[in-house]
């Protein structure tokens, strides 16, 4: 009780010097809040997405994915899009803390959390880490692991190439670009027979998550379930083969 009170007082004092800001618009908000009322009202839950491929429009019959399931919180648009962009740029990290309990509940409701042994994340190249200061996917993964109550490790796989740019690529171009882009980390701990939860910020075509899952399974993982904050409304009829999200 005293520790909780002390932590709250410390946070309150910090907010007097560094005011708490909305995860999306960065407007000053209450010290216990994450979004301003306007931005929180714009969040669109990604209910109804396929729990296997993770897509709004199921692609399980048309595409082959290495992961065994995927859950998300919201659609990548409006205030959610800006919140994720702020997280990616290293501006504000409460985004992971806000969405982690939602991800946790979705993983539990799908039955994915029950068998999970470890949480990991999509690795980031050194150049991008130097630019933003942190791997935002690791921030998400740590929050999800804490919410579920299992261990987190960002030392399972590494990014081989630092030059992958997926902005506005078609689905096929993305699949080609990420092929063999990830590899097992050196002196990696054994994950033989383990179920892994793989975290990232956005799901668009599933190419990156699928390739990471393939590597994890080549290392002995039994199952790989993915968890992301946001999923794009990837409408092929409207956008053709191009990625409307711009990520």
C-alpha atoms as a PDB file:
ATOM      1  CA  UNK A   1       0.000   0.000   0.000  1.00  0.00           C
ATOM      2  CA  UNK A   2       2.756   2.451   0.992  1.00  0.00           C
ATOM      3  CA  UNK A   3       4.810   1.525  -2.076  1.00  0.00           C
ATOM      4  CA  UNK A   4       1.811   2.120  -4.342  1.00  0.00           C
ATOM      5  CA  UNK A   5       1.156   5.506  -2.718  1.00  0.00           C
ATOM      6  CA  UNK A   6       4.822   6.485  -2.981  1.00  0.00           C
ATOM      7  CA  UNK A   7       4.871   5.523  -6.653  1.00  0.00           C
ATOM      8  CA  UNK A   8       1.727   7.573  -7.315  1.00  0.00           C
ATOM      9  CA  UNK A   9       3.153  10.610  -5.529  1.00  0.00           C
ATOM     10  CA  UNK A  10       6.411  10.282  -7.448  1.00  0.00           C
ATOM     11  CA  UNK A  11       4.505  10.121 -10.749  1.00  0.00           C
ATOM     12  CA  UNK A  12       2.372  13.111  -9.757  1.00  0.00           C
ATOM     13  CA  UNK A  13       5.490  15.143  -8.911  1.00  0.00           C
ATOM     14  CA  UNK A  14       7.154  14.179 -12.185  1.00  0.00           C
ATOM     15  CA  UNK A  15       4.082  15.272 -14.129  1.00  0.00           C
ATOM     16  CA  UNK A  16       4.318  18.726 -12.589  1.00  0.00           C
ATOM     17  CA  UNK A  17       7.709  19.103 -14.278  1.00  0.00           C
ATOM     18  CA  UNK A  18       7.070  16.948 -17.353  1.00  0.00           C
ATOM     19  CA  UNK A  19       3.295  17.097 -17.998  1.00  0.00           C
ATOM     20  CA  UNK A  20       1.593  13.917 -19.170  1.00  0.00           C
ATOM     21  CA  UNK A  21       0.575  14.109 -22.824  1.00  0.00           C
ATOM     22  CA  UNK A  22      -1.921  12.360 -25.065  1.00  0.00           C
ATOM     23  CA  UNK A  23      -0.326   9.407 -26.849  1.00  0.00           C
ATOM     24  CA  UNK A  24      -1.672  10.693 -30.146  1.00  0.00           C
ATOM     25  CA  UNK A  25      -2.011  14.493 -30.305  1.00  0.00           C
ATOM     26  CA  UNK A  26       0.457  15.183 -27.446  1.00  0.00           C
ATOM     27  CA  UNK A  27      -2.003  17.528 -25.724  1.00  0.00           C
ATOM     28  CA  UNK A  28      -1.433  17.859 -21.965  1.00  0.00           C
ATOM     29  CA  UNK A  29      -3.803  15.495 -20.122  1.00  0.00           C
ATOM     30  CA  UNK A  30      -4.405  14.140 -16.613  1.00  0.00           C
ATOM     31  CA  UNK A  31      -1.481  12.302 -15.040  1.00  0.00           C
ATOM     32  CA  UNK A  32      -3.335   8.956 -14.975  1.00  0.00           C
ATOM     33  CA  UNK A  33      -4.653   9.217 -18.544  1.00  0.00           C
ATOM     34  CA  UNK A  34      -3.232   7.977 -21.836  1.00  0.00           C
ATOM     35  CA  UNK A  35      -5.375   9.671 -24.481  1.00  0.00           C
ATOM     36  CA  UNK A  36      -7.344  12.888 -24.495  1.00  0.00           C
ATOM     37  CA  UNK A  37     -11.128  12.232 -24.793  1.00  0.00           C
ATOM     38  CA  UNK A  38     -11.161  13.217 -28.476  1.00  0.00           C
ATOM     39  CA  UNK A  39      -8.339  10.881 -29.513  1.00  0.00           C
ATOM     40  CA  UNK A  40      -9.568   7.975 -27.380  1.00  0.00           C
ATOM     41  CA  UNK A  41     -12.971   8.348 -29.006  1.00  0.00           C
ATOM     42  CA  UNK A  42     -11.362   7.917 -32.425  1.00  0.00           C
ATOM     43  CA  UNK A  43      -9.847   4.503 -31.591  1.00  0.00           C
ATOM     44  CA  UNK A  44     -11.503   1.772 -33.642  1.00  0.00           C
ATOM     45  CA  UNK A  45     -11.227  -1.723 -32.067  1.00  0.00           C
ATOM     46  CA  UNK A  46     -10.152  -4.340 -34.598  1.00  0.00           C
ATOM     47  CA  UNK A  47     -12.920  -6.733 -33.610  1.00  0.00           C
ATOM     48  CA  UNK A  48     -13.865  -9.256 -36.268  1.00  0.00           C
ATOM     49  CA  UNK A  49     -10.351  -9.808 -37.655  1.00  0.00           C
ATOM     50  CA  UNK A  50      -9.326 -13.410 -38.318  1.00  0.00           C
ATOM     51  CA  UNK A  51      -7.532 -14.789 -35.240  1.00  0.00           C
ATOM     52  CA  UNK A  52      -5.324 -16.948 -37.476  1.00  0.00           C
ATOM     53  CA  UNK A  53      -3.915 -14.594 -40.139  1.00  0.00           C
ATOM     54  CA  UNK A  54      -4.914 -11.474 -38.200  1.00  0.00           C
ATOM     55  CA  UNK A  55      -6.375  -9.738 -41.240  1.00  0.00           C
ATOM     56  CA  UNK A  56      -9.640  -7.810 -41.502  1.00  0.00           C
ATOM     57  CA  UNK A  57     -10.388  -9.837 -44.622  1.00  0.00           C
ATOM     58  CA  UNK A  58      -9.137 -13.373 -43.942  1.00  0.00           C
ATOM     59  CA  UNK A  59      -6.285 -14.509 -46.192  1.00  0.00           C
ATOM     60  CA  UNK A  60      -5.755 -17.967 -44.701  1.00  0.00           C
ATOM     61  CA  UNK A  61      -6.896 -19.660 -47.914  1.00  0.00           C
ATOM     62  CA  UNK A  62      -4.887 -17.450 -50.285  1.00  0.00           C
ATOM     63  CA  UNK A  63      -1.652 -16.939 -48.342  1.00  0.00           C
ATOM     64  CA  UNK A  64       0.604 -19.195 -46.293  1.00  0.00           C
ATOM     65  CA  UNK A  65       1.795 -17.778 -42.960  1.00  0.00           C
ATOM     66  CA  UNK A  66       4.441 -19.279 -40.678  1.00  0.00           C
ATOM     67  CA  UNK A  67       2.739 -18.005 -37.533  1.00  0.00           C
ATOM     68  CA  UNK A  68      -0.175 -19.870 -35.958  1.00  0.00           C
ATOM     69  CA  UNK A  69      -2.374 -16.958 -34.965  1.00  0.00           C
ATOM     70  CA  UNK A  70      -2.422 -13.185 -34.577  1.00  0.00           C
ATOM     71  CA  UNK A  71      -4.335 -10.700 -32.443  1.00  0.00           C
ATOM     72  CA  UNK A  72      -4.548  -6.904 -32.619  1.00  0.00           C
ATOM     73  CA  UNK A  73      -6.174  -4.079 -30.661  1.00  0.00           C
ATOM     74  CA  UNK A  74      -7.214  -1.356 -33.099  1.00  0.00           C
ATOM     75  CA  UNK A  75      -7.234  -0.426 -36.759  1.00  0.00           C
ATOM     76  CA  UNK A  76      -4.241   1.586 -37.928  1.00  0.00           C
ATOM     77  CA  UNK A  77      -5.991   4.876 -38.569  1.00  0.00           C
ATOM     78  CA  UNK A  78      -6.714   8.281 -37.040  1.00  0.00           C
ATOM     79  CA  UNK A  79      -5.480   8.662 -33.438  1.00  0.00           C
ATOM     80  CA  UNK A  80      -4.209   5.059 -33.270  1.00  0.00           C
ATOM     81  CA  UNK A  81      -1.990   5.655 -36.300  1.00  0.00           C
ATOM     82  CA  UNK A  82      -0.466   8.784 -34.770  1.00  0.00           C
ATOM     83  CA  UNK A  83       0.052   7.066 -31.416  1.00  0.00           C
ATOM     84  CA  UNK A  84       1.958   4.236 -33.104  1.00  0.00           C
ATOM     85  CA  UNK A  85       4.021   6.721 -35.135  1.00  0.00           C
ATOM     86  CA  UNK A  86       4.910   8.564 -31.922  1.00  0.00           C
ATOM     87  CA  UNK A  87       5.988   5.255 -30.407  1.00  0.00           C
ATOM     88  CA  UNK A  88       8.072   4.373 -33.492  1.00  0.00           C
ATOM     89  CA  UNK A  89       9.852   7.726 -33.341  1.00  0.00           C
ATOM     90  CA  UNK A  90      10.663   7.262 -29.668  1.00  0.00           C
ATOM     91  CA  UNK A  91       8.482  10.210 -28.683  1.00  0.00           C
ATOM     92  CA  UNK A  92       6.265   8.553 -26.087  1.00  0.00           C
ATOM     93  CA  UNK A  93       6.118   4.971 -24.779  1.00  0.00           C
ATOM     94  CA  UNK A  94       2.829   4.864 -22.852  1.00  0.00           C
ATOM     95  CA  UNK A  95       1.293   3.425 -26.021  1.00  0.00           C
ATOM     96  CA  UNK A  96       2.670  -0.026 -25.165  1.00  0.00           C
ATOM     97  CA  UNK A  97       1.511   0.263 -21.560  1.00  0.00           C
ATOM     98  CA  UNK A  98      -1.998   1.262 -22.651  1.00  0.00           C
ATOM     99  CA  UNK A  99      -2.485  -1.525 -25.200  1.00  0.00           C
ATOM    100  CA  UNK A 100      -0.638  -4.375 -23.415  1.00  0.00           C
ATOM    101  CA  UNK A 101      -3.604  -5.348 -21.173  1.00  0.00           C
ATOM    102  CA  UNK A 102      -5.884  -5.359 -24.236  1.00  0.00           C
ATOM    103  CA  UNK A 103      -3.444  -7.589 -26.119  1.00  0.00           C
ATOM    104  CA  UNK A 104      -3.162  -9.829 -23.061  1.00  0.00           C
ATOM    105  CA  UNK A 105      -6.929 -10.279 -22.824  1.00  0.00           C
ATOM    106  CA  UNK A 106      -7.170 -11.080 -26.537  1.00  0.00           C
ATOM    107  CA  UNK A 107      -4.383 -13.647 -26.278  1.00  0.00           C
ATOM    108  CA  UNK A 108      -6.190 -15.228 -23.327  1.00  0.00           C
ATOM    109  CA  UNK A 109      -9.599 -15.262 -25.001  1.00  0.00           C
ATOM    110  CA  UNK A 110      -8.117 -16.979 -28.070  1.00  0.00           C
ATOM    111  CA  UNK A 111      -6.361 -19.550 -25.907  1.00  0.00           C
ATOM    112  CA  UNK A 112      -2.961 -18.387 -27.145  1.00  0.00           C
ATOM    113  CA  UNK A 113      -1.673 -17.164 -23.777  1.00  0.00           C
ATOM    114  CA  UNK A 114      -2.377 -20.391 -21.898  1.00  0.00           C
ATOM    115  CA  UNK A 115       0.400 -22.337 -23.626  1.00  0.00           C
ATOM    116  CA  UNK A 116       2.858 -19.453 -24.066  1.00  0.00           C
ATOM    117  CA  UNK A 117       6.355 -19.918 -22.646  1.00  0.00           C
ATOM    118  CA  UNK A 118       8.104 -16.718 -23.706  1.00  0.00           C
ATOM    119  CA  UNK A 119       7.444 -13.363 -25.359  1.00  0.00           C
ATOM    120  CA  UNK A 120       9.787 -11.874 -27.948  1.00  0.00           C
ATOM    121  CA  UNK A 121       9.646  -9.126 -30.559  1.00  0.00           C
ATOM    122  CA  UNK A 122      10.489  -8.329 -34.146  1.00  0.00           C
ATOM    123  CA  UNK A 123      14.145  -7.205 -34.052  1.00  0.00           C
ATOM    124  CA  UNK A 124      15.220  -3.804 -35.338  1.00  0.00           C
ATOM    125  CA  UNK A 125      18.383  -2.908 -37.225  1.00  0.00           C
ATOM    126  CA  UNK A 126      21.120  -0.948 -35.443  1.00  0.00           C
ATOM    127  CA  UNK A 127      20.640   2.131 -37.646  1.00  0.00           C
ATOM    128  CA  UNK A 128      16.979   2.464 -36.744  1.00  0.00           C
ATOM    129  CA  UNK A 129      17.665   1.880 -33.058  1.00  0.00           C
ATOM    130  CA  UNK A 130      20.250   4.680 -33.141  1.00  0.00           C
ATOM    131  CA  UNK A 131      17.683   6.949 -34.797  1.00  0.00           C
ATOM    132  CA  UNK A 132      14.784   6.321 -32.399  1.00  0.00           C
ATOM    133  CA  UNK A 133      16.837   5.325 -29.363  1.00  0.00           C
ATOM    134  CA  UNK A 134      14.971   2.081 -28.721  1.00  0.00           C
ATOM    135  CA  UNK A 135      13.314  -0.871 -30.422  1.00  0.00           C
ATOM    136  CA  UNK A 136       9.645   0.037 -30.040  1.00  0.00           C
ATOM    137  CA  UNK A 137       8.609  -3.580 -30.672  1.00  0.00           C
ATOM    138  CA  UNK A 138      10.667  -4.574 -27.629  1.00  0.00           C
ATOM    139  CA  UNK A 139       8.840  -1.943 -25.568  1.00  0.00           C
ATOM    140  CA  UNK A 140       5.554  -3.558 -26.642  1.00  0.00           C
ATOM    141  CA  UNK A 141       6.865  -7.059 -25.971  1.00  0.00           C
ATOM    142  CA  UNK A 142       8.044  -6.223 -22.449  1.00  0.00           C
ATOM    143  CA  UNK A 143       4.667  -4.703 -21.588  1.00  0.00           C
ATOM    144  CA  UNK A 144       2.783  -7.709 -22.978  1.00  0.00           C
ATOM    145  CA  UNK A 145       5.036 -10.183 -21.127  1.00  0.00           C
ATOM    146  CA  UNK A 146       4.491  -8.297 -17.872  1.00  0.00           C
ATOM    147  CA  UNK A 147       0.728  -8.251 -18.429  1.00  0.00           C
ATOM    148  CA  UNK A 148       0.592 -11.997 -19.141  1.00  0.00           C
ATOM    149  CA  UNK A 149       3.110 -12.886 -16.463  1.00  0.00           C
ATOM    150  CA  UNK A 150       5.786 -14.711 -18.481  1.00  0.00           C
ATOM    151  CA  UNK A 151       9.397 -13.988 -19.437  1.00  0.00           C
ATOM    152  CA  UNK A 152      10.462 -11.641 -22.230  1.00  0.00           C
ATOM    153  CA  UNK A 153      13.568 -11.919 -24.390  1.00  0.00           C
ATOM    154  CA  UNK A 154      14.727  -9.796 -27.318  1.00  0.00           C
ATOM    155  CA  UNK A 155      17.768 -12.029 -27.795  1.00  0.00           C
ATOM    156  CA  UNK A 156      16.177 -14.814 -29.850  1.00  0.00           C
ATOM    157  CA  UNK A 157      16.453 -13.486 -33.398  1.00  0.00           C
ATOM    158  CA  UNK A 158      18.341 -10.642 -35.092  1.00  0.00           C
ATOM    159  CA  UNK A 159      17.873  -8.560 -38.216  1.00  0.00           C
ATOM    160  CA  UNK A 160      20.459  -9.480 -40.813  1.00  0.00           C
ATOM    161  CA  UNK A 161      19.941  -6.472 -43.081  1.00  0.00           C
ATOM    162  CA  UNK A 162      19.756  -2.886 -41.851  1.00  0.00           C
ATOM    163  CA  UNK A 163      18.500  -1.525 -45.151  1.00  0.00           C
ATOM    164  CA  UNK A 164      14.970  -2.896 -45.367  1.00  0.00           C
ATOM    165  CA  UNK A 165      12.494  -0.170 -46.333  1.00  0.00           C
ATOM    166  CA  UNK A 166       8.896  -1.340 -46.831  1.00  0.00           C
ATOM    167  CA  UNK A 167       7.191   2.004 -47.424  1.00  0.00           C
ATOM    168  CA  UNK A 168       4.415   1.630 -50.012  1.00  0.00           C
ATOM    169  CA  UNK A 169       5.585  -1.760 -51.272  1.00  0.00           C
ATOM    170  CA  UNK A 170       3.129  -4.267 -52.661  1.00  0.00           C
ATOM    171  CA  UNK A 171       2.366  -7.403 -50.682  1.00  0.00           C
ATOM    172  CA  UNK A 172       4.561  -9.500 -52.988  1.00  0.00           C
ATOM    173  CA  UNK A 173       7.424  -6.989 -52.799  1.00  0.00           C
ATOM    174  CA  UNK A 174       7.260  -7.054 -49.000  1.00  0.00           C
ATOM    175  CA  UNK A 175       7.377 -10.868 -48.936  1.00  0.00           C
ATOM    176  CA  UNK A 176      10.403 -10.850 -51.243  1.00  0.00           C
ATOM    177  CA  UNK A 177      12.227  -8.148 -49.275  1.00  0.00           C
ATOM    178  CA  UNK A 178      11.907  -9.808 -45.859  1.00  0.00           C
ATOM    179  CA  UNK A 179      12.898 -13.265 -47.050  1.00  0.00           C
ATOM    180  CA  UNK A 180      16.036 -14.311 -45.137  1.00  0.00           C
ATOM    181  CA  UNK A 181      16.158 -10.873 -43.478  1.00  0.00           C
ATOM    182  CA  UNK A 182      16.189 -12.410 -39.979  1.00  0.00           C
ATOM    183  CA  UNK A 183      18.312 -15.082 -38.340  1.00  0.00           C
ATOM    184  CA  UNK A 184      18.827 -16.785 -34.955  1.00  0.00           C
ATOM    185  CA  UNK A 185      20.876 -14.713 -32.512  1.00  0.00           C
ATOM    186  CA  UNK A 186      24.305 -15.958 -31.462  1.00  0.00           C
ATOM    187  CA  UNK A 187      24.415 -18.066 -28.307  1.00  0.00           C
ATOM    188  CA  UNK A 188      20.614 -17.992 -28.230  1.00  0.00           C
ATOM    189  CA  UNK A 189      18.740 -19.788 -25.476  1.00  0.00           C
ATOM    190  CA  UNK A 190      16.920 -22.968 -26.458  1.00  0.00           C
ATOM    191  CA  UNK A 191      13.280 -22.649 -27.452  1.00  0.00           C
ATOM    192  CA  UNK A 192      12.812 -26.294 -28.430  1.00  0.00           C
ATOM    193  CA  UNK A 193       9.171 -27.251 -28.011  1.00  0.00           C
ATOM    194  CA  UNK A 194       8.230 -23.818 -26.654  1.00  0.00           C
ATOM    195  CA  UNK A 195       5.310 -21.610 -27.618  1.00  0.00           C
ATOM    196  CA  UNK A 196       6.415 -18.076 -28.463  1.00  0.00           C
ATOM    197  CA  UNK A 197       4.427 -14.845 -28.581  1.00  0.00           C
ATOM    198  CA  UNK A 198       5.928 -12.504 -31.164  1.00  0.00           C
ATOM    199  CA  UNK A 199       5.158  -8.775 -30.771  1.00  0.00           C
ATOM    200  CA  UNK A 200       5.251  -5.874 -33.209  1.00  0.00           C
ATOM    201  CA  UNK A 201       3.496  -2.552 -33.722  1.00  0.00           C
ATOM    202  CA  UNK A 202       1.539  -3.010 -36.978  1.00  0.00           C
ATOM    203  CA  UNK A 203       0.220  -5.863 -39.118  1.00  0.00           C
ATOM    204  CA  UNK A 204      -0.186  -5.025 -42.801  1.00  0.00           C
ATOM    205  CA  UNK A 205       0.503  -8.040 -45.022  1.00  0.00           C
ATOM    206  CA  UNK A 206       1.955 -10.333 -42.363  1.00  0.00           C
ATOM    207  CA  UNK A 207       5.235 -10.707 -44.276  1.00  0.00           C
ATOM    208  CA  UNK A 208       7.598  -9.588 -41.512  1.00  0.00           C
ATOM    209  CA  UNK A 209       5.822 -11.515 -38.765  1.00  0.00           C
ATOM    210  CA  UNK A 210       5.670 -14.628 -40.928  1.00  0.00           C
ATOM    211  CA  UNK A 211       9.380 -14.527 -41.697  1.00  0.00           C
ATOM    212  CA  UNK A 212      10.267 -14.029 -38.028  1.00  0.00           C
ATOM    213  CA  UNK A 213       7.965 -16.909 -37.109  1.00  0.00           C
ATOM    214  CA  UNK A 214       9.655 -19.105 -39.713  1.00  0.00           C
ATOM    215  CA  UNK A 215      13.051 -18.439 -38.115  1.00  0.00           C
ATOM    216  CA  UNK A 216      11.702 -19.111 -34.622  1.00  0.00           C
ATOM    217  CA  UNK A 217      10.256 -22.446 -35.773  1.00  0.00           C
ATOM    218  CA  UNK A 218      13.556 -23.350 -37.441  1.00  0.00           C
ATOM    219  CA  UNK A 219      15.038 -22.897 -33.949  1.00  0.00           C
ATOM    220  CA  UNK A 220      12.606 -25.411 -32.487  1.00  0.00           C
ATOM    221  CA  UNK A 221       9.594 -23.315 -31.496  1.00  0.00           C
ATOM    222  CA  UNK A 222       6.442 -25.425 -31.425  1.00  0.00           C
ATOM    223  CA  UNK A 223       3.987 -22.579 -31.965  1.00  0.00           C
ATOM    224  CA  UNK A 224       4.328 -18.854 -32.703  1.00  0.00           C
ATOM    225  CA  UNK A 225       1.439 -16.496 -31.966  1.00  0.00           C
ATOM    226  CA  UNK A 226       1.684 -12.859 -32.976  1.00  0.00           C
ATOM    227  CA  UNK A 227       0.401  -9.807 -31.142  1.00  0.00           C
ATOM    228  CA  UNK A 228       0.297  -6.263 -32.544  1.00  0.00           C
ATOM    229  CA  UNK A 229      -1.176  -2.952 -31.501  1.00  0.00           C
ATOM    230  CA  UNK A 230      -2.742  -2.117 -34.848  1.00  0.00           C
ATOM    231  CA  UNK A 231      -3.821  -3.765 -38.096  1.00  0.00           C
ATOM    232  CA  UNK A 232      -4.389  -1.996 -41.402  1.00  0.00           C
ATOM    233  CA  UNK A 233      -7.637  -2.140 -43.339  1.00  0.00           C
ATOM    234  CA  UNK A 234      -5.800  -3.700 -46.277  1.00  0.00           C
ATOM    235  CA  UNK A 235      -8.522  -3.703 -48.948  1.00  0.00           C
ATOM    236  CA  UNK A 236      -7.145  -5.237 -52.155  1.00  0.00           C
ATOM    237  CA  UNK A 237     -10.163  -4.215 -54.232  1.00  0.00           C
ATOM    238  CA  UNK A 238      -9.707  -0.574 -53.219  1.00  0.00           C
ATOM    239  CA  UNK A 239      -5.910  -0.316 -53.109  1.00  0.00           C
ATOM    240  CA  UNK A 240      -4.829  -3.054 -55.492  1.00  0.00           C
ATOM    241  CA  UNK A 241      -1.542  -4.662 -54.447  1.00  0.00           C
ATOM    242  CA  UNK A 242      -0.119  -1.537 -52.780  1.00  0.00           C
ATOM    243  CA  UNK A 243       0.141  -0.991 -49.069  1.00  0.00           C
ATOM    244  CA  UNK A 244      -2.166   1.862 -47.998  1.00  0.00           C
ATOM    245  CA  UNK A 245      -0.610   2.190 -44.556  1.00  0.00           C
ATOM    246  CA  UNK A 246       2.690   3.585 -45.697  1.00  0.00           C
ATOM    247  CA  UNK A 247       4.658   1.442 -43.232  1.00  0.00           C
END
